[in-house]
Amino acid sequence: SLCALGYGLVFVAGQAFVLDHATSANRARSFALFVGAIMAATVCGPSI
């Protein structure tokens, strides 16, 4: 439950960081950067 609390705080804060600072011109690239970090971790984490 502690891990879940920490995960939720980091995830929501990271998503809010992108939402707050992305513009209409770079919103797609900004979220691609956000999702790309998650997917890269999804590839590396389970195998290791």
All heavy atoms as atom14 arrays in JSON, in Angstrom:
{
  "sequence": "SLCALGYGLVFVAGQAFVLDHATSANRARSFALFVGAIMAATVCGPSI",
  "atom14_mask": [
    [1, 1, 1, 1, 1, 1, 0, 0, 0, 0, 0, 0, 0, 0],
    [1, 1, 1, 1, 1, 1, 1, 1, 0, 0, 0, 0, 0, 0],
    [1, 1, 1, 1, 1, 1, 0, 0, 0, 0, 0, 0, 0, 0],
    [1, 1, 1, 1, 1, 0, 0, 0, 0, 0, 0, 0, 0, 0],
    [1, 1, 1, 1, 1, 1, 1, 1, 0, 0, 0, 0, 0, 0],
    [1, 1, 1, 1, 0, 0, 0, 0, 0, 0, 0, 0, 0, 0],
    [1, 1, 1, 1, 1, 1, 1, 1, 1, 1, 1, 1, 0, 0],
    [1, 1, 1, 1, 0, 0, 0, 0, 0, 0, 0, 0, 0, 0],
    [1, 1, 1, 1, 1, 1, 1, 1, 0, 0, 0, 0, 0, 0],
    [1, 1, 1, 1, 1, 1, 1, 0, 0, 0, 0, 0, 0, 0],
    [1, 1, 1, 1, 1, 1, 1, 1, 1, 1, 1, 0, 0, 0],
    [1, 1, 1, 1, 1, 1, 1, 0, 0, 0, 0, 0, 0, 0],
    [1, 1, 1, 1, 1, 0, 0, 0, 0, 0, 0, 0, 0, 0],
    [1, 1, 1, 1, 0, 0, 0, 0, 0, 0, 0, 0, 0, 0],
    [1, 1, 1, 1, 1, 1, 1, 1, 1, 0, 0, 0, 0, 0],
    [1, 1, 1, 1, 1, 0, 0, 0, 0, 0, 0, 0, 0, 0],
    [1, 1, 1, 1, 1, 1, 1, 1, 1, 1, 1, 0, 0, 0],
    [1, 1, 1, 1, 1, 1, 1, 0, 0, 0, 0, 0, 0, 0],
    [1, 1, 1, 1, 1, 1, 1, 1, 0, 0, 0, 0, 0, 0],
    [1, 1, 1, 1, 1, 1, 1, 1, 0, 0, 0, 0, 0, 0],
    [1, 1, 1, 1, 1, 1, 1, 1, 1, 1, 0, 0, 0, 0],
    [1, 1, 1, 1, 1, 0, 0, 0, 0, 0, 0, 0, 0, 0],
    [1, 1, 1, 1, 1, 1, 1, 0, 0, 0, 0, 0, 0, 0],
    [1, 1, 1, 1, 1, 1, 0, 0, 0, 0, 0, 0, 0, 0],
    [1, 1, 1, 1, 1, 0, 0, 0, 0, 0, 0, 0, 0, 0],
    [1, 1, 1, 1, 1, 1, 1, 1, 0, 0, 0, 0, 0, 0],
    [1, 1, 1, 1, 1, 1, 1, 1, 1, 1, 1, 0, 0, 0],
    [1, 1, 1, 1, 1, 0, 0, 0, 0, 0, 0, 0, 0, 0],
    [1, 1, 1, 1, 1, 1, 1, 1, 1, 1, 1, 0, 0, 0],
    [1, 1, 1, 1, 1, 1, 0, 0, 0, 0, 0, 0, 0, 0],
    [1, 1, 1, 1, 1, 1, 1, 1, 1, 1, 1, 0, 0, 0],
    [1, 1, 1, 1, 1, 0, 0, 0, 0, 0, 0, 0, 0, 0],
    [1, 1, 1, 1, 1, 1, 1, 1, 0, 0, 0, 0, 0, 0],
    [1, 1, 1, 1, 1, 1, 1, 1, 1, 1, 1, 0, 0, 0],
    [1, 1, 1, 1, 1, 1, 1, 0, 0, 0, 0, 0, 0, 0],
    [1, 1, 1, 1, 0, 0, 0, 0, 0, 0, 0, 0, 0, 0],
    [1, 1, 1, 1, 1, 0, 0, 0, 0, 0, 0, 0, 0, 0],
    [1, 1, 1, 1, 1, 1, 1, 1, 0, 0, 0, 0, 0, 0],
    [1, 1, 1, 1, 1, 1, 1, 1, 0, 0, 0, 0, 0, 0],
    [1, 1, 1, 1, 1, 0, 0, 0, 0, 0, 0, 0, 0, 0],
    [1, 1, 1, 1, 1, 0, 0, 0, 0, 0, 0, 0, 0, 0],
    [1, 1, 1, 1, 1, 1, 1, 0, 0, 0, 0, 0, 0, 0],
    [1, 1, 1, 1, 1, 1, 1, 0, 0, 0, 0, 0, 0, 0],
    [1, 1, 1, 1, 1, 1, 0, 0, 0, 0, 0, 0, 0, 0],
    [1, 1, 1, 1, 0, 0, 0, 0, 0, 0, 0, 0, 0, 0],
    [1, 1, 1, 1, 1, 1, 1, 0, 0, 0, 0, 0, 0, 0],
    [1, 1, 1, 1, 1, 1, 0, 0, 0, 0, 0, 0, 0, 0],
    [1, 1, 1, 1, 1, 1, 1, 1, 0, 0, 0, 0, 0, 0]
  ],
  "atom14_positions": [
    [[0.84, -1.2, 0.0], [0.0, 0.0, 0.0], [0.87, 1.25, 0.0], [0.54, 2.25, -0.66], [-0.93, 0.0, 1.21], [-1.79, -1.12, 1.19], [0.0, 0.0, 0.0], [0.0, 0.0, 0.0], [0.0, 0.0, 0.0], [0.0, 0.0, 0.0], [0.0, 0.0, 0.0], [0.0, 0.0, 0.0], [0.0, 0.0, 0.0], [0.0, 0.0, 0.0]],
    [[1.98, 1.2, 0.74], [2.93, 2.33, 0.71], [3.5, 2.52, -0.7], [3.61, 3.65, -1.19], [4.06, 2.09, 1.7], [3.75, 2.27, 3.19], [5.0, 1.98, 4.01], [3.25, 3.67, 3.47], [0.0, 0.0, 0.0], [0.0, 0.0, 0.0], [0.0, 0.0, 0.0], [0.0, 0.0, 0.0], [0.0, 0.0, 0.0], [0.0, 0.0, 0.0]],
    [[3.85, 1.41, -1.35], [4.36, 1.49, -2.72], [3.32, 2.1, -3.65], [3.64, 2.91, -4.53], [4.78, 0.11, -3.22], [6.16, -0.63, -2.34], [0.0, 0.0, 0.0], [0.0, 0.0, 0.0], [0.0, 0.0, 0.0], [0.0, 0.0, 0.0], [0.0, 0.0, 0.0], [0.0, 0.0, 0.0], [0.0, 0.0, 0.0], [0.0, 0.0, 0.0]],
    [[2.06, 1.71, -3.46], [0.98, 2.25, -4.3], [0.79, 3.74, -4.07], [0.58, 4.51, -5.01], [-0.32, 1.5, -4.02], [0.0, 0.0, 0.0], [0.0, 0.0, 0.0], [0.0, 0.0, 0.0], [0.0, 0.0, 0.0], [0.0, 0.0, 0.0], [0.0, 0.0, 0.0], [0.0, 0.0, 0.0], [0.0, 0.0, 0.0], [0.0, 0.0, 0.0]],
    [[0.86, 4.16, -2.8], [0.74, 5.58, -2.48], [1.85, 6.38, -3.16], [1.61, 7.43, -3.77], [0.78, 5.77, -0.97], [0.71, 7.21, -0.44], [-0.6, 7.87, -0.86], [0.85, 7.23, 1.07], [0.0, 0.0, 0.0], [0.0, 0.0, 0.0], [0.0, 0.0, 0.0], [0.0, 0.0, 0.0], [0.0, 0.0, 0.0], [0.0, 0.0, 0.0]],
    [[3.09, 5.88, -3.05], [4.2, 6.57, -3.7], [4.08, 6.58, -5.21], [4.34, 7.6, -5.86], [0.0, 0.0, 0.0], [0.0, 0.0, 0.0], [0.0, 0.0, 0.0], [0.0, 0.0, 0.0], [0.0, 0.0, 0.0], [0.0, 0.0, 0.0], [0.0, 0.0, 0.0], [0.0, 0.0, 0.0], [0.0, 0.0, 0.0], [0.0, 0.0, 0.0]],
    [[3.66, 5.45, -5.78], [3.5, 5.36, -7.24], [2.45, 6.35, -7.72], [2.66, 7.05, -8.73], [3.1, 3.93, -7.61], [2.98, 3.68, -9.09], [4.06, 3.18, -9.81], [1.79, 3.91, -9.78], [3.96, 2.94, -11.17], [1.68, 3.67, -11.13], [2.77, 3.19, -11.82], [2.65, 2.95, -13.18], [0.0, 0.0, 0.0], [0.0, 0.0, 0.0]],
    [[1.31, 6.41, -7.03], [0.26, 7.33, -7.43], [0.71, 8.78, -7.37], [0.41, 9.58, -8.27], [0.0, 0.0, 0.0], [0.0, 0.0, 0.0], [0.0, 0.0, 0.0], [0.0, 0.0, 0.0], [0.0, 0.0, 0.0], [0.0, 0.0, 0.0], [0.0, 0.0, 0.0], [0.0, 0.0, 0.0], [0.0, 0.0, 0.0], [0.0, 0.0, 0.0]],
    [[1.43, 9.16, -6.31], [1.92, 10.53, -6.19], [2.88, 10.9, -7.32], [2.76, 11.97, -7.94], [2.62, 10.71, -4.84], [1.72, 10.79, -3.61], [2.54, 10.66, -2.34], [0.92, 12.1, -3.6], [0.0, 0.0, 0.0], [0.0, 0.0, 0.0], [0.0, 0.0, 0.0], [0.0, 0.0, 0.0], [0.0, 0.0, 0.0], [0.0, 0.0, 0.0]],
    [[3.82, 10.01, -7.62], [4.8, 10.3, -8.68], [4.11, 10.35, -10.04], [4.38, 11.24, -10.85], [5.92, 9.25, -8.67], [6.84, 9.43, -9.87], [6.73, 9.36, -7.38], [0.0, 0.0, 0.0], [0.0, 0.0, 0.0], [0.0, 0.0, 0.0], [0.0, 0.0, 0.0], [0.0, 0.0, 0.0], [0.0, 0.0, 0.0], [0.0, 0.0, 0.0]],
    [[3.24, 9.39, -10.3], [2.58, 9.34, -11.6], [1.72, 10.57, -11.84], [1.79, 11.2, -12.9], [1.72, 8.07, -11.68], [1.08, 7.85, -13.03], [1.75, 7.14, -14.0], [-0.18, 8.35, -13.31], [1.17, 6.94, -15.25], [-0.77, 8.16, -14.55], [-0.09, 7.44, -15.52], [0.0, 0.0, 0.0], [0.0, 0.0, 0.0], [0.0, 0.0, 0.0]],
    [[0.91, 10.93, -10.86], [0.02, 12.08, -11.02], [0.82, 13.37, -11.14], [0.51, 14.24, -11.96], [-0.97, 12.15, -9.84], [-1.71, 13.48, -9.82], [-1.97, 11.0, -9.92], [0.0, 0.0, 0.0], [0.0, 0.0, 0.0], [0.0, 0.0, 0.0], [0.0, 0.0, 0.0], [0.0, 0.0, 0.0], [0.0, 0.0, 0.0], [0.0, 0.0, 0.0]],
    [[1.88, 13.52, -10.35], [2.7, 14.72, -10.43], [3.41, 14.82, -11.77], [3.51, 15.91, -12.36], [3.72, 14.74, -9.29], [0.0, 0.0, 0.0], [0.0, 0.0, 0.0], [0.0, 0.0, 0.0], [0.0, 0.0, 0.0], [0.0, 0.0, 0.0], [0.0, 0.0, 0.0], [0.0, 0.0, 0.0], [0.0, 0.0, 0.0], [0.0, 0.0, 0.0]],
    [[3.91, 13.7, -12.28], [4.56, 13.71, -13.58], [3.59, 14.06, -14.69], [3.9, 14.84, -15.6], [0.0, 0.0, 0.0], [0.0, 0.0, 0.0], [0.0, 0.0, 0.0], [0.0, 0.0, 0.0], [0.0, 0.0, 0.0], [0.0, 0.0, 0.0], [0.0, 0.0, 0.0], [0.0, 0.0, 0.0], [0.0, 0.0, 0.0], [0.0, 0.0, 0.0]],
    [[2.39, 13.49, -14.62], [1.37, 13.81, -15.62], [0.95, 15.26, -15.54], [0.77, 15.94, -16.56], [0.16, 12.89, -15.4], [-0.94, 13.05, -16.42], [-2.03, 12.02, -16.21], [-2.13, 11.04, -16.93], [-2.86, 12.21, -15.21], [0.0, 0.0, 0.0], [0.0, 0.0, 0.0], [0.0, 0.0, 0.0], [0.0, 0.0, 0.0], [0.0, 0.0, 0.0]],
    [[0.8, 15.79, -14.32], [0.43, 17.19, -14.15], [1.53, 18.12, -14.65], [1.26, 19.19, -15.2], [0.13, 17.48, -12.68], [0.0, 0.0, 0.0], [0.0, 0.0, 0.0], [0.0, 0.0, 0.0], [0.0, 0.0, 0.0], [0.0, 0.0, 0.0], [0.0, 0.0, 0.0], [0.0, 0.0, 0.0], [0.0, 0.0, 0.0], [0.0, 0.0, 0.0]],
    [[2.79, 17.73, -14.47], [3.91, 18.53, -14.96], [3.81, 18.71, -16.47], [3.99, 19.8, -17.01], [5.22, 17.85, -14.58], [6.45, 18.63, -14.93], [6.99, 19.54, -14.03], [7.08, 18.48, -16.15], [8.13, 20.27, -14.34], [8.21, 19.2, -16.48], [8.73, 20.09, -15.57], [0.0, 0.0, 0.0], [0.0, 0.0, 0.0], [0.0, 0.0, 0.0]],
    [[3.52, 17.62, -17.17], [3.38, 17.69, -18.63], [2.15, 18.51, -19.01], [2.21, 19.36, -19.91], [3.31, 16.27, -19.22], [3.05, 16.33, -20.72], [4.59, 15.51, -18.94], [0.0, 0.0, 0.0], [0.0, 0.0, 0.0], [0.0, 0.0, 0.0], [0.0, 0.0, 0.0], [0.0, 0.0, 0.0], [0.0, 0.0, 0.0], [0.0, 0.0, 0.0]],
    [[1.03, 18.28, -18.32], [-0.2, 19.03, -18.63], [-0.02, 20.53, -18.42], [-0.48, 21.34, -19.22], [-1.35, 18.52, -17.76], [-2.09, 17.26, -18.22], [-3.06, 16.82, -17.14], [-2.82, 17.52, -19.53], [0.0, 0.0, 0.0], [0.0, 0.0, 0.0], [0.0, 0.0, 0.0], [0.0, 0.0, 0.0], [0.0, 0.0, 0.0], [0.0, 0.0, 0.0]],
    [[0.66, 20.9, -17.35], [0.81, 22.31, -17.02], [1.72, 23.05, -17.98], [1.57, 24.25, -18.19], [1.34, 22.46, -15.59], [0.31, 22.07, -14.55], [-0.85, 21.86, -14.93], [0.67, 21.96, -13.36], [0.0, 0.0, 0.0], [0.0, 0.0, 0.0], [0.0, 0.0, 0.0], [0.0, 0.0, 0.0], [0.0, 0.0, 0.0], [0.0, 0.0, 0.0]],
    [[2.7, 22.36, -18.55], [3.71, 23.04, -19.34], [3.64, 22.75, -20.83], [4.43, 23.29, -21.59], [5.1, 22.69, -18.82], [5.33, 23.11, -17.4], [5.48, 22.21, -16.38], [5.4, 24.33, -16.82], [5.64, 22.86, -15.23], [5.6, 24.14, -15.48], [0.0, 0.0, 0.0], [0.0, 0.0, 0.0], [0.0, 0.0, 0.0], [0.0, 0.0, 0.0]],
    [[2.74, 21.85, -21.23], [2.59, 21.57, -22.65], [1.68, 22.61, -23.29], [0.74, 23.11, -22.67], [2.03, 20.17, -22.86], [0.0, 0.0, 0.0], [0.0, 0.0, 0.0], [0.0, 0.0, 0.0], [0.0, 0.0, 0.0], [0.0, 0.0, 0.0], [0.0, 0.0, 0.0], [0.0, 0.0, 0.0], [0.0, 0.0, 0.0], [0.0, 0.0, 0.0]],
    [[1.98, 22.96, -24.52], [1.14, 23.88, -25.29], [0.37, 23.08, -26.33], [0.61, 21.9, -26.55], [2.01, 24.94, -25.98], [2.88, 24.29, -26.93], [2.85, 25.7, -24.96], [0.0, 0.0, 0.0], [0.0, 0.0, 0.0], [0.0, 0.0, 0.0], [0.0, 0.0, 0.0], [0.0, 0.0, 0.0], [0.0, 0.0, 0.0], [0.0, 0.0, 0.0]],
    [[-0.57, 23.75, -27.0], [-1.33, 23.08, -28.04], [-0.43, 22.61, -29.17], [-0.72, 21.63, -29.85], [-2.41, 24.02, -28.59], [-1.82, 25.21, -29.08], [0.0, 0.0, 0.0], [0.0, 0.0, 0.0], [0.0, 0.0, 0.0], [0.0, 0.0, 0.0], [0.0, 0.0, 0.0], [0.0, 0.0, 0.0], [0.0, 0.0, 0.0], [0.0, 0.0, 0.0]],
    [[0.7, 23.29, -29.37], [1.61, 22.94, -30.46], [2.46, 21.72, -30.13], [2.8, 20.93, -31.01], [2.51, 24.13, -30.8], [0.0, 0.0, 0.0], [0.0, 0.0, 0.0], [0.0, 0.0, 0.0], [0.0, 0.0, 0.0], [0.0, 0.0, 0.0], [0.0, 0.0, 0.0], [0.0, 0.0, 0.0], [0.0, 0.0, 0.0], [0.0, 0.0, 0.0]],
    [[2.81, 21.56, -28.85], [3.73, 20.45, -28.51], [3.1, 19.44, -27.56], [3.81, 18.65, -26.95], [5.02, 21.01, -27.9], [4.81, 21.6, -26.51], [3.67, 21.75, -26.05], [5.89, 21.95, -25.84], [0.0, 0.0, 0.0], [0.0, 0.0, 0.0], [0.0, 0.0, 0.0], [0.0, 0.0, 0.0], [0.0, 0.0, 0.0], [0.0, 0.0, 0.0]],
    [[1.76, 19.47, -27.42], [1.12, 18.57, -26.46], [1.35, 17.11, -26.83], [1.62, 16.27, -25.98], [-0.37, 18.87, -26.36], [-1.1, 18.0, -25.32], [-2.52, 18.47, -25.08], [-2.54, 19.72, -24.33], [-2.93, 20.88, -24.82], [-3.34, 20.96, -26.08], [-2.92, 21.97, -24.08], [0.0, 0.0, 0.0], [0.0, 0.0, 0.0], [0.0, 0.0, 0.0]],
    [[1.22, 16.79, -28.12], [1.41, 15.4, -28.55], [2.83, 14.93, -28.26], [3.05, 13.83, -27.74], [1.1, 15.27, -30.03], [0.0, 0.0, 0.0], [0.0, 0.0, 0.0], [0.0, 0.0, 0.0], [0.0, 0.0, 0.0], [0.0, 0.0, 0.0], [0.0, 0.0, 0.0], [0.0, 0.0, 0.0], [0.0, 0.0, 0.0], [0.0, 0.0, 0.0]],
    [[3.82, 15.77, -28.56], [5.21, 15.4, -28.3], [5.48, 15.28, -26.8], [6.23, 14.42, -26.35], [6.16, 16.43, -28.91], [6.31, 16.33, -30.41], [7.35, 17.3, -30.91], [8.65, 17.02, -30.3], [9.68, 17.84, -30.36], [9.57, 19.01, -30.97], [10.83, 17.51, -29.79], [0.0, 0.0, 0.0], [0.0, 0.0, 0.0], [0.0, 0.0, 0.0]],
    [[4.84, 16.14, -26.02], [5.05, 16.11, -24.58], [4.52, 14.82, -23.98], [5.18, 14.18, -23.15], [4.38, 17.32, -23.93], [4.91, 18.52, -24.44], [0.0, 0.0, 0.0], [0.0, 0.0, 0.0], [0.0, 0.0, 0.0], [0.0, 0.0, 0.0], [0.0, 0.0, 0.0], [0.0, 0.0, 0.0], [0.0, 0.0, 0.0], [0.0, 0.0, 0.0]],
    [[3.31, 14.41, -24.4], [2.76, 13.17, -23.88], [3.48, 11.96, -24.44], [3.56, 10.92, -23.78], [1.27, 13.09, -24.16], [0.44, 13.7, -23.07], [-0.04, 14.99, -23.18], [0.18, 13.0, -21.91], [-0.77, 15.57, -22.16], [-0.56, 13.56, -20.89], [-1.04, 14.85, -21.01], [0.0, 0.0, 0.0], [0.0, 0.0, 0.0], [0.0, 0.0, 0.0]],
    [[4.02, 12.06, -25.65], [4.84, 10.97, -26.17], [6.08, 10.79, -25.31], [6.53, 9.66, -25.06], [5.23, 11.26, -27.62], [0.0, 0.0, 0.0], [0.0, 0.0, 0.0], [0.0, 0.0, 0.0], [0.0, 0.0, 0.0], [0.0, 0.0, 0.0], [0.0, 0.0, 0.0], [0.0, 0.0, 0.0], [0.0, 0.0, 0.0], [0.0, 0.0, 0.0]],
    [[6.65, 11.89, -24.84], [7.8, 11.83, -23.94], [7.41, 11.16, -22.63], [8.14, 10.33, -22.1], [8.32, 13.24, -23.72], [9.54, 13.47, -22.82], [10.36, 14.61, -23.39], [9.11, 13.83, -21.4], [0.0, 0.0, 0.0], [0.0, 0.0, 0.0], [0.0, 0.0, 0.0], [0.0, 0.0, 0.0], [0.0, 0.0, 0.0], [0.0, 0.0, 0.0]],
    [[6.24, 11.51, -22.1], [5.75, 10.96, -20.83], [5.48, 9.46, -20.96], [5.95, 8.64, -20.17], [4.48, 11.72, -20.44], [3.81, 11.22, -19.19], [4.3, 11.54, -17.94], [2.67, 10.43, -19.26], [3.69, 11.1, -16.79], [2.05, 9.98, -18.13], [2.56, 10.31, -16.88], [0.0, 0.0, 0.0], [0.0, 0.0, 0.0], [0.0, 0.0, 0.0]],
    [[4.73, 9.09, -22.01], [4.4, 7.68, -22.22], [5.65, 6.88, -22.59], [5.79, 5.72, -22.21], [3.31, 7.56, -23.31], [3.04, 6.1, -23.65], [2.03, 8.23, -22.85], [0.0, 0.0, 0.0], [0.0, 0.0, 0.0], [0.0, 0.0, 0.0], [0.0, 0.0, 0.0], [0.0, 0.0, 0.0], [0.0, 0.0, 0.0], [0.0, 0.0, 0.0]],
    [[6.57, 7.51, -23.34], [7.78, 6.81, -23.73], [8.61, 6.37, -22.55], [9.18, 5.27, -22.54], [0.0, 0.0, 0.0], [0.0, 0.0, 0.0], [0.0, 0.0, 0.0], [0.0, 0.0, 0.0], [0.0, 0.0, 0.0], [0.0, 0.0, 0.0], [0.0, 0.0, 0.0], [0.0, 0.0, 0.0], [0.0, 0.0, 0.0], [0.0, 0.0, 0.0]],
    [[8.69, 7.22, -21.51], [9.44, 6.85, -20.31], [8.78, 5.65, -19.63], [9.47, 4.73, -19.16], [9.51, 8.03, -19.35], [0.0, 0.0, 0.0], [0.0, 0.0, 0.0], [0.0, 0.0, 0.0], [0.0, 0.0, 0.0], [0.0, 0.0, 0.0], [0.0, 0.0, 0.0], [0.0, 0.0, 0.0], [0.0, 0.0, 0.0], [0.0, 0.0, 0.0]],
    [[7.46, 5.63, -19.56], [6.75, 4.52, -18.92], [6.95, 3.23, -19.71], [7.22, 2.17, -19.15], [5.25, 4.87, -18.79], [5.08, 6.08, -17.86], [4.47, 3.68, -18.26], [3.67, 6.58, -17.76], [0.0, 0.0, 0.0], [0.0, 0.0, 0.0], [0.0, 0.0, 0.0], [0.0, 0.0, 0.0], [0.0, 0.0, 0.0], [0.0, 0.0, 0.0]],
    [[6.83, 3.3, -21.05], [6.95, 2.1, -21.85], [8.38, 1.56, -21.83], [8.6, 0.35, -21.84], [6.51, 2.39, -23.28], [5.04, 2.75, -23.43], [3.92, 1.61, -22.56], [4.33, 0.06, -23.34], [0.0, 0.0, 0.0], [0.0, 0.0, 0.0], [0.0, 0.0, 0.0], [0.0, 0.0, 0.0], [0.0, 0.0, 0.0], [0.0, 0.0, 0.0]],
    [[9.37, 2.46, -21.81], [10.76, 2.0, -21.73], [10.99, 1.26, -20.41], [11.66, 0.22, -20.37], [11.72, 3.18, -21.86], [0.0, 0.0, 0.0], [0.0, 0.0, 0.0], [0.0, 0.0, 0.0], [0.0, 0.0, 0.0], [0.0, 0.0, 0.0], [0.0, 0.0, 0.0], [0.0, 0.0, 0.0], [0.0, 0.0, 0.0], [0.0, 0.0, 0.0]],
    [[10.43, 1.78, -19.33], [10.55, 1.1, -18.04], [9.79, -0.22, -18.05], [10.23, -1.21, -17.44], [10.02, 2.0, -16.92], [0.0, 0.0, 0.0], [0.0, 0.0, 0.0], [0.0, 0.0, 0.0], [0.0, 0.0, 0.0], [0.0, 0.0, 0.0], [0.0, 0.0, 0.0], [0.0, 0.0, 0.0], [0.0, 0.0, 0.0], [0.0, 0.0, 0.0]],
    [[8.67, -0.28, -18.76], [7.89, -1.51, -18.87], [8.67, -2.59, -19.6], [8.53, -3.79, -19.3], [6.56, -1.24, -19.59], [5.84, -0.22, -18.88], [5.7, -2.48, -19.67], [0.0, 0.0, 0.0], [0.0, 0.0, 0.0], [0.0, 0.0, 0.0], [0.0, 0.0, 0.0], [0.0, 0.0, 0.0], [0.0, 0.0, 0.0], [0.0, 0.0, 0.0]],
    [[9.5, -2.2, -20.56], [10.32, -3.16, -21.29], [11.48, -3.64, -20.41], [11.76, -4.84, -20.31], [10.87, -2.54, -22.59], [11.91, -3.46, -23.23], [9.74, -2.28, -23.56], [0.0, 0.0, 0.0], [0.0, 0.0, 0.0], [0.0, 0.0, 0.0], [0.0, 0.0, 0.0], [0.0, 0.0, 0.0], [0.0, 0.0, 0.0], [0.0, 0.0, 0.0]],
    [[12.15, -2.71, -19.74], [13.37, -3.06, -19.0], [13.08, -3.74, -17.66], [13.8, -4.66, -17.26], [14.2, -1.79, -18.74], [14.76, -0.95, -20.24], [0.0, 0.0, 0.0], [0.0, 0.0, 0.0], [0.0, 0.0, 0.0], [0.0, 0.0, 0.0], [0.0, 0.0, 0.0], [0.0, 0.0, 0.0], [0.0, 0.0, 0.0], [0.0, 0.0, 0.0]],
    [[12.05, -3.3, -16.96], [11.83, -3.73, -15.59], [11.57, -5.22, -15.4], [12.28, -5.89, -14.65], [0.0, 0.0, 0.0], [0.0, 0.0, 0.0], [0.0, 0.0, 0.0], [0.0, 0.0, 0.0], [0.0, 0.0, 0.0], [0.0, 0.0, 0.0], [0.0, 0.0, 0.0], [0.0, 0.0, 0.0], [0.0, 0.0, 0.0], [0.0, 0.0, 0.0]],
    [[10.52, -5.79, -16.05], [10.2, -7.19, -15.77], [11.32, -8.16, -16.08], [11.56, -9.11, -15.33], [8.98, -7.44, -16.67], [8.38, -6.1, -16.89], [9.53, -5.15, -16.93], [0.0, 0.0, 0.0], [0.0, 0.0, 0.0], [0.0, 0.0, 0.0], [0.0, 0.0, 0.0], [0.0, 0.0, 0.0], [0.0, 0.0, 0.0], [0.0, 0.0, 0.0]],
    [[12.01, -7.96, -17.19], [13.07, -8.9, -17.57], [14.21, -8.87, -16.56], [14.69, -9.92, -16.11], [13.59, -8.55, -18.97], [13.95, -7.18, -19.04], [0.0, 0.0, 0.0], [0.0, 0.0, 0.0], [0.0, 0.0, 0.0], [0.0, 0.0, 0.0], [0.0, 0.0, 0.0], [0.0, 0.0, 0.0], [0.0, 0.0, 0.0], [0.0, 0.0, 0.0]],
    [[14.65, -7.66, -16.19], [15.73, -7.54, -15.21], [15.26, -8.04, -13.84], [16.02, -8.7, -13.11], [16.21, -6.09, -15.11], [16.84, -5.66, -16.44], [17.22, -5.92, -14.0], [18.05, -6.47, -16.84], [0.0, 0.0, 0.0], [0.0, 0.0, 0.0], [0.0, 0.0, 0.0], [0.0, 0.0, 0.0], [0.0, 0.0, 0.0], [0.0, 0.0, 0.0]]
  ]
}
